[in-house]
């Protein structure tokens, strides 16, 4: 694991708390401006529900890797940290959540991407 800004990890974990509650509106509102430009609040609500509802409640989550990056495929250059979490859910024992906070235009870390497999 490499060094990363603890504020980036805090942003990722705080954002995941909203996602775990199923609060699509709050997680969209708390996301990076890049995220909000890419997906409407309504689209995010549908995508989040489709991705997370079948899994059931979060059982546990452990940070596996953190990788700082200045370039990511399909995203503008900037400051990013790609976190991968080993997660377990009520209906899926082993999942990998990838959460990517970025330093937003105002200097704050906010989530710009989320994938689960």
Protein backbone atom coordinates (compact mmCIF):
# COMPACT_ATOMS: atom_id res chain seq x y z
CA UNK A 1 0.00 0.00 0.00
CA UNK A 2 1.33 3.42 -0.91
CA UNK A 3 1.09 6.68 0.93
CA UNK A 4 -2.04 8.66 0.24
CA UNK A 5 -3.78 11.68 1.69
CA UNK A 6 -5.83 10.49 4.69
CA UNK A 7 -8.47 13.05 3.68
CA UNK A 8 -9.00 11.10 0.44
CA UNK A 9 -9.63 7.90 2.40
CA UNK A 10 -11.99 9.74 4.76
CA UNK A 11 -13.91 11.11 1.75
CA UNK A 12 -14.21 7.59 0.32
CA UNK A 13 -15.41 6.09 3.61
CA UNK A 14 -17.86 8.91 4.36
CA UNK A 15 -19.29 8.57 0.85
CA UNK A 16 -19.59 4.78 1.20
CA UNK A 17 -21.60 5.31 4.40
CA UNK A 18 -24.20 7.18 2.33
CA UNK A 19 -24.18 4.44 -0.31
CA UNK A 20 -24.54 1.74 2.38
CA UNK A 21 -27.64 3.54 3.66
CA UNK A 22 -29.05 3.51 0.13
CA UNK A 23 -29.10 7.32 0.15
CA UNK A 24 -28.57 7.92 -3.56
CA UNK A 25 -29.48 11.61 -3.37
CA UNK A 26 -26.98 12.37 -0.59
CA UNK A 27 -24.21 10.31 -2.22
CA UNK A 28 -24.78 12.11 -5.54
CA UNK A 29 -24.75 15.48 -3.76
CA UNK A 30 -21.50 14.58 -1.97
CA UNK A 31 -19.79 13.34 -5.16
CA UNK A 32 -17.19 15.21 -7.23
CA UNK A 33 -18.29 17.74 -9.84
CA UNK A 34 -16.88 15.38 -12.51
CA UNK A 35 -19.22 12.61 -11.27
CA UNK A 36 -22.25 14.94 -11.28
CA UNK A 37 -21.51 16.09 -14.84
CA UNK A 38 -21.25 12.45 -16.00
CA UNK A 39 -24.43 11.11 -14.40
CA UNK A 40 -27.66 12.81 -13.35
CA UNK A 41 -29.00 12.33 -9.83
CA UNK A 42 -31.86 10.25 -11.27
CA UNK A 43 -29.49 8.03 -13.30
CA UNK A 44 -27.29 7.55 -10.23
CA UNK A 45 -30.26 6.55 -8.11
CA UNK A 46 -31.25 3.85 -10.62
CA UNK A 47 -27.65 2.61 -11.06
CA UNK A 48 -26.98 2.49 -7.32
CA UNK A 49 -30.22 0.61 -6.65
CA UNK A 50 -29.46 -1.92 -9.40
CA UNK A 51 -25.91 -2.48 -8.15
CA UNK A 52 -26.45 -2.61 -4.41
CA UNK A 53 -30.00 -3.72 -3.59
CA UNK A 54 -29.49 -7.36 -4.72
CA UNK A 55 -26.42 -7.64 -2.46
CA UNK A 56 -28.28 -6.86 0.75
CA UNK A 57 -26.73 -5.14 3.74
CA UNK A 58 -23.00 -4.60 4.14
CA UNK A 59 -21.44 -7.18 6.48
CA UNK A 60 -17.87 -5.86 6.45
CA UNK A 61 -15.40 -3.87 4.38
CA UNK A 62 -11.61 -3.84 4.53
CA UNK A 63 -9.23 -1.58 2.62
CA UNK A 64 -7.03 -3.73 0.39
CA UNK A 65 -5.13 -1.22 -1.78
CA UNK A 66 -4.72 2.49 -2.32
CA UNK A 67 -3.05 3.89 -5.42
CA UNK A 68 -2.47 7.57 -6.09
CA UNK A 69 -2.83 8.60 -9.74
CA UNK A 70 -2.74 11.75 -11.82
CA UNK A 71 -4.10 10.08 -14.97
CA UNK A 72 -7.02 7.65 -15.23
CA UNK A 73 -8.66 6.24 -18.37
CA UNK A 74 -11.59 8.37 -19.49
CA UNK A 75 -11.00 11.07 -16.88
CA UNK A 76 -9.22 14.42 -17.03
CA UNK A 77 -5.76 14.61 -15.47
CA UNK A 78 -5.93 15.48 -11.79
CA UNK A 79 -5.25 14.13 -8.31
CA UNK A 80 -6.93 10.79 -7.66
CA UNK A 81 -6.63 7.93 -5.19
CA UNK A 82 -8.00 4.56 -6.29
CA UNK A 83 -9.10 2.55 -3.26
CA UNK A 84 -10.04 -1.11 -3.46
CA UNK A 85 -12.01 -2.62 -0.61
CA UNK A 86 -12.67 -6.31 0.04
CA UNK A 87 -16.34 -6.24 1.00
CA UNK A 88 -18.90 -8.77 2.13
CA UNK A 89 -22.65 -8.35 1.86
CA UNK A 90 -25.66 -10.23 3.14
CA UNK A 91 -26.19 -11.93 -0.27
CA UNK A 92 -22.63 -11.81 -1.67
CA UNK A 93 -19.78 -13.04 0.51
CA UNK A 94 -16.91 -11.64 -1.55
CA UNK A 95 -17.01 -8.43 -3.56
CA UNK A 96 -14.46 -5.81 -4.56
CA UNK A 97 -15.51 -2.19 -4.29
CA UNK A 98 -13.40 0.36 -6.15
CA UNK A 99 -13.88 3.92 -4.92
CA UNK A 100 -11.98 6.79 -6.55
CA UNK A 101 -11.93 10.15 -4.80
CA UNK A 102 -10.41 13.09 -6.64
CA UNK A 103 -9.30 16.51 -5.54
CA UNK A 104 -12.24 18.59 -6.74
CA UNK A 105 -12.12 22.09 -8.18
CA UNK A 106 -12.42 23.60 -4.66
CA UNK A 107 -9.53 21.47 -3.34
CA UNK A 108 -11.74 19.05 -1.36
CA UNK A 109 -11.57 15.28 -1.90
CA UNK A 110 -14.82 13.92 -3.35
CA UNK A 111 -15.70 10.59 -4.95
CA UNK A 112 -15.53 10.61 -8.76
CA UNK A 113 -16.08 6.91 -9.40
CA UNK A 114 -17.53 3.76 -7.85
CA UNK A 115 -17.53 0.20 -9.15
CA UNK A 116 -18.43 -3.06 -7.51
CA UNK A 117 -17.71 -6.57 -8.76
